[in-house]
Amino acid sequence: MKIYLSLFFALIISLSYNNVYAQAKKHTKKTIAVTTTDGNIYIGKLLKETKKIIRIKTESAGNLTIKKKKIKSIDFDYIPGSDIAADHESKKGYKDYPSRYFMGTSGYNLKKGEGYYANIGIFFNEFNYGITDYFSAGIGVVPLFLFAGAPSPVWLKTKFSYPVVKNKFNISGGIMAGTIVGYDVDFVVPVMFYAAGTYGSRDNNITLSLNYGYFDAEFSPAIFTVGGKYKITRRTFIMSDNYFILGPDIDFGLISTIGARTLFKGLSLDYGATIPIGQGLDAGLFILPYLGIKVGVGK
């Protein structure tokens, strides 16, 4: 009887060892994210893990050995473009702001306390700020008043978002309302409503959105947008915005902006070309250069 019990316990120990070994082998060489108790995030290939330490191979610092008592959390299912990846780059001062492409919105939002000032083509100025992780607000102006006090467009906007499947599918919706300051004639405030759905991570994704304008008690024709971006280097993305405008009196059926975004410390640069295509374009195809910058504000 004792022999059978000994064999039984030996079998249990053997199976347990094999299971632990298999799990360790499964995780070894995987890219993981280690968050330490002091708030730092280290991303790299898992080389070794024991009860007391974990060793990873990072791109920038080489091999690192971190004591388990200094670790807050370990993500064995690290996904490039996830919140952890964004936080890792953000701590270095490189922020992407995936809440928008060139001009079009996405299903992602700014995080609480995160904001940026955006300037496009010198005249377009906008500030956006994350009030919560799911709600942000912005204000913008085209300061034509600097030129002999000319009337100047001003607008306010809000955006709600929700992660249906975290880091994979996000939805958002919002309202934008504006006016023209200094315009003598009575001006009806236009309002735009939009909804968007984004499939993919913060780094690589595609977005479909629907936009409706409301002006003088009438809704404008629907504007469908398709936007997306793809990470090609550590801090550069190719990117595109495409506006499909429907309606009998619309000259351009498609306005497409194609280009890239590059991250620098403290700011990001968007650059490319805008190409309007559609009815009434007698002069043929023409291309408008696009240049925009975002400067980080807040955390």
C-alpha atoms as a PDB file:
ATOM      1  CA  MET A   1       0.000   0.000   0.000  1.00  0.00           C
ATOM      2  CA  LYS A   2       2.829   2.366   0.921  1.00  0.00           C
ATOM      3  CA  ILE A   3       4.442   1.682  -2.443  1.00  0.00           C
ATOM      4  CA  TYR A   4       1.254   2.689  -4.290  1.00  0.00           C
ATOM      5  CA  LEU A   5       0.909   5.867  -2.200  1.00  0.00           C
ATOM      6  CA  SER A   6       4.537   6.748  -2.895  1.00  0.00           C
ATOM      7  CA  LEU A   7       4.038   6.205  -6.624  1.00  0.00           C
ATOM      8  CA  PHE A   8       0.836   8.270  -6.534  1.00  0.00           C
ATOM      9  CA  PHE A   9       2.502  11.261  -4.833  1.00  0.00           C
ATOM     10  CA  ALA A  10       5.497  10.954  -7.135  1.00  0.00           C
ATOM     11  CA  LEU A  11       3.150  11.116 -10.132  1.00  0.00           C
ATOM     12  CA  ILE A  12       1.380  14.215  -8.723  1.00  0.00           C
ATOM     13  CA  ILE A  13       4.692  15.974  -8.104  1.00  0.00           C
ATOM     14  CA  SER A  14       5.902  15.042 -11.590  1.00  0.00           C
ATOM     15  CA  LEU A  15       2.736  16.359 -13.252  1.00  0.00           C
ATOM     16  CA  SER A  16       2.875  19.572 -11.205  1.00  0.00           C
ATOM     17  CA  TYR A  17       6.498  20.110 -12.167  1.00  0.00           C
ATOM     18  CA  ASN A  18       5.766  19.488 -15.832  1.00  0.00           C
ATOM     19  CA  ASN A  19       2.839  21.919 -15.712  1.00  0.00           C
ATOM     20  CA  VAL A  20       4.921  24.660 -14.087  1.00  0.00           C
ATOM     21  CA  TYR A  21       7.745  24.012 -16.545  1.00  0.00           C
ATOM     22  CA  ALA A  22       5.335  24.117 -19.484  1.00  0.00           C
ATOM     23  CA  GLN A  23       3.845  27.406 -18.269  1.00  0.00           C
ATOM     24  CA  ALA A  24       7.291  28.916 -17.808  1.00  0.00           C
ATOM     25  CA  LYS A  25       8.352  27.685 -21.243  1.00  0.00           C
ATOM     26  CA  LYS A  26       5.135  29.061 -22.716  1.00  0.00           C
ATOM     27  CA  HIS A  27       5.806  32.561 -21.349  1.00  0.00           C
ATOM     28  CA  THR A  28       9.564  32.561 -22.017  1.00  0.00           C
ATOM     29  CA  LYS A  29      10.519  34.639 -25.065  1.00  0.00           C
ATOM     30  CA  LYS A  30       7.124  36.361 -25.035  1.00  0.00           C
ATOM     31  CA  THR A  31       7.008  40.148 -25.027  1.00  0.00           C
ATOM     32  CA  ILE A  32       5.660  41.268 -21.670  1.00  0.00           C
ATOM     33  CA  ALA A  33       5.081  44.563 -19.853  1.00  0.00           C
ATOM     34  CA  VAL A  34       6.315  44.969 -16.277  1.00  0.00           C
ATOM     35  CA  THR A  35       4.967  47.845 -14.191  1.00  0.00           C
ATOM     36  CA  THR A  36       7.022  48.591 -11.073  1.00  0.00           C
ATOM     37  CA  THR A  37       5.841  50.072  -7.781  1.00  0.00           C
ATOM     38  CA  ASP A  38       7.446  53.435  -8.626  1.00  0.00           C
ATOM     39  CA  GLY A  39       5.322  53.745 -11.788  1.00  0.00           C
ATOM     40  CA  ASN A  40       7.907  52.795 -14.423  1.00  0.00           C
ATOM     41  CA  ILE A  41       6.952  50.454 -17.269  1.00  0.00           C
ATOM     42  CA  TYR A  42       9.445  48.051 -18.858  1.00  0.00           C
ATOM     43  CA  ILE A  43       8.630  46.185 -22.060  1.00  0.00           C
ATOM     44  CA  GLY A  44      10.741  43.337 -23.364  1.00  0.00           C
ATOM     45  CA  LYS A  45      11.232  39.626 -24.009  1.00  0.00           C
ATOM     46  CA  LEU A  46      10.882  37.406 -20.941  1.00  0.00           C
ATOM     47  CA  LEU A  47      14.169  35.580 -20.320  1.00  0.00           C
ATOM     48  CA  LYS A  48      13.695  34.140 -16.839  1.00  0.00           C
ATOM     49  CA  GLU A  49      11.229  34.144 -13.960  1.00  0.00           C
ATOM     50  CA  THR A  50      11.653  32.834 -10.418  1.00  0.00           C
ATOM     51  CA  LYS A  51       9.879  33.428  -7.112  1.00  0.00           C
ATOM     52  CA  LYS A  52      12.133  36.410  -6.398  1.00  0.00           C
ATOM     53  CA  ILE A  53      13.089  37.969  -9.741  1.00  0.00           C
ATOM     54  CA  ILE A  54      12.081  38.411 -13.359  1.00  0.00           C
ATOM     55  CA  ARG A  55      14.565  39.017 -16.176  1.00  0.00           C
ATOM     56  CA  ILE A  56      13.633  40.640 -19.489  1.00  0.00           C
ATOM     57  CA  LYS A  57      15.471  41.827 -22.581  1.00  0.00           C
ATOM     58  CA  THR A  58      14.515  45.374 -23.595  1.00  0.00           C
ATOM     59  CA  GLU A  59      15.374  47.248 -26.790  1.00  0.00           C
ATOM     60  CA  SER A  60      16.810  50.335 -25.109  1.00  0.00           C
ATOM     61  CA  ALA A  61      18.347  49.093 -21.836  1.00  0.00           C
ATOM     62  CA  GLY A  62      19.338  45.534 -22.706  1.00  0.00           C
ATOM     63  CA  ASN A  63      18.821  42.801 -20.104  1.00  0.00           C
ATOM     64  CA  LEU A  64      17.091  43.893 -16.892  1.00  0.00           C
ATOM     65  CA  THR A  65      16.633  41.922 -13.683  1.00  0.00           C
ATOM     66  CA  ILE A  66      13.760  43.186 -11.540  1.00  0.00           C
ATOM     67  CA  LYS A  67      12.946  41.990  -8.021  1.00  0.00           C
ATOM     68  CA  LYS A  68       9.401  40.676  -7.591  1.00  0.00           C
ATOM     69  CA  LYS A  69       8.848  42.849  -4.499  1.00  0.00           C
ATOM     70  CA  LYS A  70       9.414  45.921  -6.712  1.00  0.00           C
ATOM     71  CA  ILE A  71       6.803  44.814  -9.274  1.00  0.00           C
ATOM     72  CA  LYS A  72       3.253  46.146  -9.222  1.00  0.00           C
ATOM     73  CA  SER A  73       1.932  44.078 -12.156  1.00  0.00           C
ATOM     74  CA  ILE A  74       3.047  41.900 -15.082  1.00  0.00           C
ATOM     75  CA  ASP A  75       1.129  41.758 -18.362  1.00  0.00           C
ATOM     76  CA  PHE A  76       1.914  38.452 -20.077  1.00  0.00           C
ATOM     77  CA  ASP A  77      -0.588  39.296 -22.849  1.00  0.00           C
ATOM     78  CA  TYR A  78       1.050  42.574 -23.855  1.00  0.00           C
ATOM     79  CA  ILE A  79      -0.389  44.049 -27.061  1.00  0.00           C
ATOM     80  CA  PRO A  80       1.476  46.767 -29.015  1.00  0.00           C
ATOM     81  CA  GLY A  81      -0.787  49.810 -29.226  1.00  0.00           C
ATOM     82  CA  SER A  82      -2.583  48.993 -25.971  1.00  0.00           C
ATOM     83  CA  ASP A  83      -3.035  51.365 -23.030  1.00  0.00           C
ATOM     84  CA  ILE A  84       0.141  50.005 -21.431  1.00  0.00           C
ATOM     85  CA  ALA A  85       2.121  50.590 -24.633  1.00  0.00           C
ATOM     86  CA  ALA A  86       0.744  54.135 -24.870  1.00  0.00           C
ATOM     87  CA  ASP A  87       1.638  54.808 -21.227  1.00  0.00           C
ATOM     88  CA  HIS A  88       5.147  53.454 -21.837  1.00  0.00           C
ATOM     89  CA  GLU A  89       5.760  55.898 -24.705  1.00  0.00           C
ATOM     90  CA  SER A  90       3.916  58.703 -22.910  1.00  0.00           C
ATOM     91  CA  LYS A  91       6.270  58.518 -19.929  1.00  0.00           C
ATOM     92  CA  LYS A  92       9.107  59.223 -22.371  1.00  0.00           C
ATOM     93  CA  GLY A  93       7.261  62.287 -23.701  1.00  0.00           C
ATOM     94  CA  TYR A  94       6.035  60.738 -26.978  1.00  0.00           C
ATOM     95  CA  LYS A  95       2.240  60.975 -27.310  1.00  0.00           C
ATOM     96  CA  ASP A  96       0.124  59.960 -30.270  1.00  0.00           C
ATOM     97  CA  TYR A  97      -3.364  61.214 -29.225  1.00  0.00           C
ATOM     98  CA  PRO A  98      -5.322  58.468 -31.046  1.00  0.00           C
ATOM     99  CA  SER A  99      -8.626  60.308 -30.522  1.00  0.00           C
ATOM    100  CA  ARG A 100      -8.324  61.780 -34.034  1.00  0.00           C
ATOM    101  CA  TYR A 101      -6.560  61.398 -37.357  1.00  0.00           C
ATOM    102  CA  PHE A 102      -5.875  64.516 -39.439  1.00  0.00           C
ATOM    103  CA  MET A 103      -9.288  66.094 -38.856  1.00  0.00           C
ATOM    104  CA  GLY A 104     -11.562  63.082 -38.472  1.00  0.00           C
ATOM    105  CA  THR A 105     -12.415  61.534 -35.128  1.00  0.00           C
ATOM    106  CA  SER A 106     -11.960  57.959 -33.905  1.00  0.00           C
ATOM    107  CA  GLY A 107     -13.635  55.747 -31.310  1.00  0.00           C
ATOM    108  CA  TYR A 108     -10.783  56.362 -28.859  1.00  0.00           C
ATOM    109  CA  ASN A 109     -10.681  59.318 -26.471  1.00  0.00           C
ATOM    110  CA  LEU A 110      -8.214  61.336 -24.450  1.00  0.00           C
ATOM    111  CA  LYS A 111      -7.466  60.052 -20.972  1.00  0.00           C
ATOM    112  CA  LYS A 112      -8.405  61.990 -17.851  1.00  0.00           C
ATOM    113  CA  GLY A 113      -6.037  64.939 -17.403  1.00  0.00           C
ATOM    114  CA  GLU A 114      -4.563  64.549 -20.902  1.00  0.00           C
ATOM    115  CA  GLY A 115      -4.841  67.360 -23.432  1.00  0.00           C
ATOM    116  CA  TYR A 116      -3.266  69.027 -26.435  1.00  0.00           C
ATOM    117  CA  TYR A 117      -3.166  72.242 -28.429  1.00  0.00           C
ATOM    118  CA  ALA A 118      -3.515  71.680 -32.184  1.00  0.00           C
ATOM    119  CA  ASN A 119      -2.584  74.036 -34.999  1.00  0.00           C
ATOM    120  CA  ILE A 120      -3.343  73.251 -38.636  1.00  0.00           C
ATOM    121  CA  GLY A 121      -2.195  75.448 -41.491  1.00  0.00           C
ATOM    122  CA  ILE A 122      -1.379  78.338 -39.097  1.00  0.00           C
ATOM    123  CA  PHE A 123      -4.976  79.626 -38.883  1.00  0.00           C
ATOM    124  CA  PHE A 124      -6.839  76.635 -37.424  1.00  0.00           C
ATOM    125  CA  ASN A 125      -6.373  76.497 -33.640  1.00  0.00           C
ATOM    126  CA  GLU A 126      -7.962  74.030 -31.217  1.00  0.00           C
ATOM    127  CA  PHE A 127      -7.541  72.860 -27.624  1.00  0.00           C
ATOM    128  CA  ASN A 128      -8.862  69.496 -26.383  1.00  0.00           C
ATOM    129  CA  TYR A 129      -8.831  68.069 -22.865  1.00  0.00           C
ATOM    130  CA  GLY A 130      -9.835  64.760 -21.278  1.00  0.00           C
ATOM    131  CA  ILE A 131     -12.240  65.407 -18.396  1.00  0.00           C
ATOM    132  CA  THR A 132     -12.626  61.667 -17.709  1.00  0.00           C
ATOM    133  CA  ASP A 133     -11.341  58.583 -19.543  1.00  0.00           C
ATOM    134  CA  TYR A 134     -14.636  58.539 -21.467  1.00  0.00           C
ATOM    135  CA  PHE A 135     -15.472  62.234 -21.927  1.00  0.00           C
ATOM    136  CA  SER A 136     -13.491  65.106 -23.446  1.00  0.00           C
ATOM    137  CA  ALA A 137     -14.228  68.673 -24.521  1.00  0.00           C
ATOM    138  CA  GLY A 138     -12.620  71.150 -26.874  1.00  0.00           C
ATOM    139  CA  ILE A 139     -12.676  74.736 -28.080  1.00  0.00           C
ATOM    140  CA  GLY A 140     -11.384  76.138 -31.364  1.00  0.00           C
ATOM    141  CA  VAL A 141     -10.945  79.394 -33.261  1.00  0.00           C
ATOM    142  CA  VAL A 142      -9.767  80.713 -36.614  1.00  0.00           C
ATOM    143  CA  PRO A 143      -8.422  84.134 -35.457  1.00  0.00           C
ATOM    144  CA  LEU A 144      -9.276  86.245 -38.480  1.00  0.00           C
ATOM    145  CA  PHE A 145      -9.876  89.161 -36.078  1.00  0.00           C
ATOM    146  CA  LEU A 146      -6.114  89.666 -36.203  1.00  0.00           C
ATOM    147  CA  PHE A 147      -6.607  90.945 -39.761  1.00  0.00           C
ATOM    148  CA  ALA A 148      -8.449  94.268 -39.443  1.00  0.00           C
ATOM    149  CA  GLY A 149     -10.972  92.752 -37.032  1.00  0.00           C
ATOM    150  CA  ALA A 150     -12.467  90.319 -39.563  1.00  0.00           C
ATOM    151  CA  PRO A 151     -15.273  87.986 -38.352  1.00  0.00           C
ATOM    152  CA  SER A 152     -13.781  84.836 -36.798  1.00  0.00           C
ATOM    153  CA  PRO A 153     -15.237  81.304 -36.535  1.00  0.00           C
ATOM    154  CA  VAL A 154     -15.358  79.899 -32.989  1.00  0.00           C
ATOM    155  CA  TRP A 155     -16.615  76.446 -31.936  1.00  0.00           C
ATOM    156  CA  LEU A 156     -17.123  74.163 -28.938  1.00  0.00           C
ATOM    157  CA  LYS A 157     -17.294  70.376 -28.996  1.00  0.00           C
ATOM    158  CA  THR A 158     -17.775  67.372 -26.730  1.00  0.00           C
ATOM    159  CA  LYS A 159     -16.994  63.704 -27.190  1.00  0.00           C
ATOM    160  CA  PHE A 160     -18.120  60.552 -25.382  1.00  0.00           C
ATOM    161  CA  SER A 161     -16.430  57.202 -25.981  1.00  0.00           C
ATOM    162  CA  TYR A 162     -16.704  53.635 -24.721  1.00  0.00           C
ATOM    163  CA  PRO A 163     -14.426  50.578 -25.142  1.00  0.00           C
ATOM    164  CA  VAL A 164     -16.760  47.769 -26.240  1.00  0.00           C
ATOM    165  CA  VAL A 165     -13.756  45.421 -26.400  1.00  0.00           C
ATOM    166  CA  LYS A 166     -10.692  47.009 -24.814  1.00  0.00           C
ATOM    167  CA  ASN A 167      -7.889  47.759 -27.287  1.00  0.00           C
ATOM    168  CA  LYS A 168      -9.936  46.206 -30.094  1.00  0.00           C
ATOM    169  CA  PHE A 169     -13.295  47.949 -30.639  1.00  0.00           C
ATOM    170  CA  ASN A 170     -14.284  51.433 -29.437  1.00  0.00           C
ATOM    171  CA  ILE A 171     -17.320  53.600 -30.151  1.00  0.00           C
ATOM    172  CA  SER A 172     -17.776  57.342 -29.709  1.00  0.00           C
ATOM    173  CA  GLY A 173     -20.263  60.121 -30.305  1.00  0.00           C
ATOM    174  CA  GLY A 174     -20.318  63.857 -29.922  1.00  0.00           C
ATOM    175  CA  ILE A 175     -21.643  67.309 -30.737  1.00  0.00           C
ATOM    176  CA  MET A 176     -19.932  70.383 -32.150  1.00  0.00           C
ATOM    177  CA  ALA A 177     -21.523  73.851 -32.226  1.00  0.00           C
ATOM    178  CA  GLY A 178     -20.062  77.068 -33.585  1.00  0.00           C
ATOM    179  CA  THR A 179     -20.638  80.692 -34.440  1.00  0.00           C
ATOM    180  CA  ILE A 180     -18.874  83.587 -36.168  1.00  0.00           C
ATOM    181  CA  VAL A 181     -17.746  86.310 -33.791  1.00  0.00           C
ATOM    182  CA  GLY A 182     -17.999  89.818 -35.247  1.00  0.00           C
ATOM    183  CA  TYR A 183     -20.546  88.897 -37.928  1.00  0.00           C
ATOM    184  CA  ASP A 184     -23.067  91.773 -38.228  1.00  0.00           C
ATOM    185  CA  VAL A 185     -25.974  89.808 -39.683  1.00  0.00           C
ATOM    186  CA  ASP A 186     -28.062  87.521 -37.429  1.00  0.00           C
ATOM    187  CA  PHE A 187     -26.309  84.181 -37.521  1.00  0.00           C
ATOM    188  CA  VAL A 188     -27.909  80.822 -36.788  1.00  0.00           C
ATOM    189  CA  VAL A 189     -25.575  78.577 -34.789  1.00  0.00           C
ATOM    190  CA  PRO A 190     -24.748  75.420 -36.788  1.00  0.00           C
ATOM    191  CA  VAL A 191     -24.557  72.128 -34.902  1.00  0.00           C
ATOM    192  CA  MET A 192     -22.905  68.893 -36.000  1.00  0.00           C
ATOM    193  CA  PHE A 193     -23.678  65.439 -34.594  1.00  0.00           C
ATOM    194  CA  TYR A 194     -21.399  62.481 -35.173  1.00  0.00           C
ATOM    195  CA  ALA A 195     -20.911  58.838 -34.203  1.00  0.00           C
ATOM    196  CA  ALA A 196     -17.876  56.646 -34.853  1.00  0.00           C
ATOM    197  CA  GLY A 197     -16.720  53.065 -34.451  1.00  0.00           C
ATOM    198  CA  THR A 198     -13.045  52.076 -34.420  1.00  0.00           C
ATOM    199  CA  TYR A 199     -11.696  48.564 -34.915  1.00  0.00           C
ATOM    200  CA  GLY A 200      -8.118  47.873 -33.873  1.00  0.00           C
ATOM    201  CA  SER A 201      -5.553  49.014 -31.327  1.00  0.00           C
ATOM    202  CA  ARG A 202      -4.482  52.594 -30.637  1.00  0.00           C
ATOM    203  CA  ASP A 203      -1.589  52.159 -33.086  1.00  0.00           C
ATOM    204  CA  ASN A 204      -3.245  50.241 -35.937  1.00  0.00           C
ATOM    205  CA  ASN A 205      -6.929  50.783 -36.621  1.00  0.00           C
ATOM    206  CA  ILE A 206      -9.709  51.747 -39.000  1.00  0.00           C
ATOM    207  CA  THR A 207     -12.710  53.970 -38.251  1.00  0.00           C
ATOM    208  CA  LEU A 208     -16.139  54.420 -39.822  1.00  0.00           C
ATOM    209  CA  SER A 209     -18.167  57.464 -38.809  1.00  0.00           C
ATOM    210  CA  LEU A 210     -21.408  59.210 -39.716  1.00  0.00           C
ATOM    211  CA  ASN A 211     -21.807  62.998 -39.490  1.00  0.00           C
ATOM    212  CA  TYR A 212     -24.909  65.191 -39.731  1.00  0.00           C
ATOM    213  CA  GLY A 213     -25.062  68.975 -39.614  1.00  0.00           C
ATOM    214  CA  TYR A 214     -28.080  70.941 -38.383  1.00  0.00           C
ATOM    215  CA  PHE A 215     -28.451  74.523 -39.627  1.00  0.00           C
ATOM    216  CA  ASP A 216     -31.437  76.839 -39.909  1.00  0.00           C
ATOM    217  CA  ALA A 217     -33.888  74.088 -38.824  1.00  0.00           C
ATOM    218  CA  GLU A 218     -32.623  71.665 -41.488  1.00  0.00           C
ATOM    219  CA  PHE A 219     -30.261  68.698 -41.491  1.00  0.00           C
ATOM    220  CA  SER A 220     -27.429  68.708 -44.001  1.00  0.00           C
ATOM    221  CA  PRO A 221     -26.687  65.720 -46.259  1.00  0.00           C
ATOM    222  CA  ALA A 222     -24.901  62.891 -44.482  1.00  0.00           C
ATOM    223  CA  ILE A 223     -21.114  62.824 -44.477  1.00  0.00           C
ATOM    224  CA  PHE A 224     -19.535  59.390 -44.160  1.00  0.00           C
ATOM    225  CA  THR A 225     -15.891  59.160 -43.174  1.00  0.00           C
ATOM    226  CA  VAL A 226     -13.373  56.345 -43.336  1.00  0.00           C
ATOM    227  CA  GLY A 227     -10.143  56.914 -41.467  1.00  0.00           C
ATOM    228  CA  GLY A 228      -7.254  54.794 -40.368  1.00  0.00           C
ATOM    229  CA  LYS A 229      -3.613  54.588 -39.422  1.00  0.00           C
ATOM    230  CA  TYR A 230      -0.849  51.996 -39.332  1.00  0.00           C
ATOM    231  CA  LYS A 231       2.404  52.097 -37.392  1.00  0.00           C
ATOM    232  CA  ILE A 232       5.414  51.697 -39.698  1.00  0.00           C
ATOM    233  CA  THR A 233       8.249  52.620 -37.311  1.00  0.00           C
ATOM    234  CA  ARG A 234       8.512  53.087 -33.573  1.00  0.00           C
ATOM    235  CA  ARG A 235       7.142  56.639 -33.726  1.00  0.00           C
ATOM    236  CA  THR A 236       5.735  57.099 -37.243  1.00  0.00           C
ATOM    237  CA  PHE A 237       2.307  56.152 -38.612  1.00  0.00           C
ATOM    238  CA  ILE A 238       0.848  56.303 -42.100  1.00  0.00           C
ATOM    239  CA  MET A 239      -2.617  57.841 -41.882  1.00  0.00           C
ATOM    240  CA  SER A 240      -5.658  58.760 -43.965  1.00  0.00           C
ATOM    241  CA  ASP A 241      -8.972  60.636 -43.651  1.00  0.00           C
ATOM    242  CA  ASN A 242     -11.650  60.199 -46.339  1.00  0.00           C
ATOM    243  CA  TYR A 243     -14.908  62.181 -46.392  1.00  0.00           C
ATOM    244  CA  PHE A 244     -17.715  60.904 -48.614  1.00  0.00           C
ATOM    245  CA  ILE A 245     -20.263  63.711 -49.049  1.00  0.00           C
ATOM    246  CA  LEU A 246     -23.762  62.901 -50.309  1.00  0.00           C
ATOM    247  CA  GLY A 247     -26.252  65.408 -51.724  1.00  0.00           C
ATOM    248  CA  PRO A 248     -27.474  66.797 -55.066  1.00  0.00           C
ATOM    249  CA  ASP A 249     -25.808  70.204 -54.659  1.00  0.00           C
ATOM    250  CA  ILE A 250     -22.394  69.055 -53.444  1.00  0.00           C
ATOM    251  CA  ASP A 251     -19.487  69.749 -55.795  1.00  0.00           C
ATOM    252  CA  PHE A 252     -17.051  67.280 -54.272  1.00  0.00           C
ATOM    253  CA  GLY A 253     -18.102  63.720 -53.601  1.00  0.00           C
ATOM    254  CA  LEU A 254     -14.842  62.781 -51.862  1.00  0.00           C
ATOM    255  CA  ILE A 255     -12.242  64.715 -49.886  1.00  0.00           C
ATOM    256  CA  SER A 256      -9.241  62.556 -49.057  1.00  0.00           C
ATOM    257  CA  THR A 257      -6.226  63.402 -46.890  1.00  0.00           C
ATOM    258  CA  ILE A 258      -3.284  61.006 -47.062  1.00  0.00           C
ATOM    259  CA  GLY A 259      -0.018  61.290 -45.177  1.00  0.00           C
ATOM    260  CA  ALA A 260       1.706  60.412 -41.929  1.00  0.00           C
ATOM    261  CA  ARG A 261       2.186  61.286 -38.275  1.00  0.00           C
ATOM    262  CA  THR A 262       5.561  61.394 -36.541  1.00  0.00           C
ATOM    263  CA  LEU A 263       5.980  61.682 -32.784  1.00  0.00           C
ATOM    264  CA  PHE A 264       8.586  63.930 -31.219  1.00  0.00           C
ATOM    265  CA  LYS A 265       9.230  64.605 -27.564  1.00  0.00           C
ATOM    266  CA  GLY A 266       6.370  66.806 -26.371  1.00  0.00           C
ATOM    267  CA  LEU A 267       4.623  67.094 -29.744  1.00  0.00           C
ATOM    268  CA  SER A 268       3.416  65.256 -32.835  1.00  0.00           C
ATOM    269  CA  LEU A 269       3.577  66.351 -36.476  1.00  0.00           C
ATOM    270  CA  ASP A 270       0.906  65.486 -39.072  1.00  0.00           C
ATOM    271  CA  TYR A 271       1.814  65.988 -42.722  1.00  0.00           C
ATOM    272  CA  GLY A 272       0.397  64.976 -46.079  1.00  0.00           C
ATOM    273  CA  ALA A 273      -1.879  66.131 -48.877  1.00  0.00           C
ATOM    274  CA  THR A 274      -5.608  66.790 -49.242  1.00  0.00           C
ATOM    275  CA  ILE A 275      -7.178  65.763 -52.556  1.00  0.00           C
ATOM    276  CA  PRO A 276     -10.779  66.806 -53.389  1.00  0.00           C
ATOM    277  CA  ILE A 277     -12.432  64.629 -56.032  1.00  0.00           C
ATOM    278  CA  GLY A 278     -15.921  64.921 -57.520  1.00  0.00           C
ATOM    279  CA  GLN A 279     -18.361  66.950 -59.589  1.00  0.00           C
ATOM    280  CA  GLY A 280     -17.624  70.481 -60.688  1.00  0.00           C
ATOM    281  CA  LEU A 281     -13.858  70.159 -60.636  1.00  0.00           C
ATOM    282  CA  ASP A 282     -13.257  71.694 -64.060  1.00  0.00           C
ATOM    283  CA  ALA A 283      -9.643  72.563 -63.327  1.00  0.00           C
ATOM    284  CA  GLY A 284      -8.770  68.892 -63.001  1.00  0.00           C
ATOM    285  CA  LEU A 285      -7.085  67.151 -60.109  1.00  0.00           C
ATOM    286  CA  PHE A 286      -5.286  69.382 -57.626  1.00  0.00           C
ATOM    287  CA  ILE A 287      -3.507  68.701 -54.345  1.00  0.00           C
ATOM    288  CA  LEU A 288      -3.466  70.848 -51.206  1.00  0.00           C
ATOM    289  CA  PRO A 289      -0.566  70.409 -48.747  1.00  0.00           C
ATOM    290  CA  TYR A 290      -1.501  69.517 -45.171  1.00  0.00           C
ATOM    291  CA  LEU A 291       0.596  70.369 -42.113  1.00  0.00           C
ATOM    292  CA  GLY A 292      -0.514  70.187 -38.500  1.00  0.00           C
ATOM    293  CA  ILE A 293       1.082  70.045 -35.078  1.00  0.00           C
ATOM    294  CA  LYS A 294      -0.130  68.934 -31.645  1.00  0.00           C
ATOM    295  CA  VAL A 295       1.566  70.098 -28.451  1.00  0.00           C
ATOM    296  CA  GLY A 296       0.863  68.093 -25.317  1.00  0.00           C
ATOM    297  CA  VAL A 297      -0.779  69.670 -22.276  1.00  0.00           C
ATOM    298  CA  GLY A 298      -1.428  67.969 -18.936  1.00  0.00           C
ATOM    299  CA  LYS A 299      -0.215  64.536 -17.914  1.00  0.00           C
END
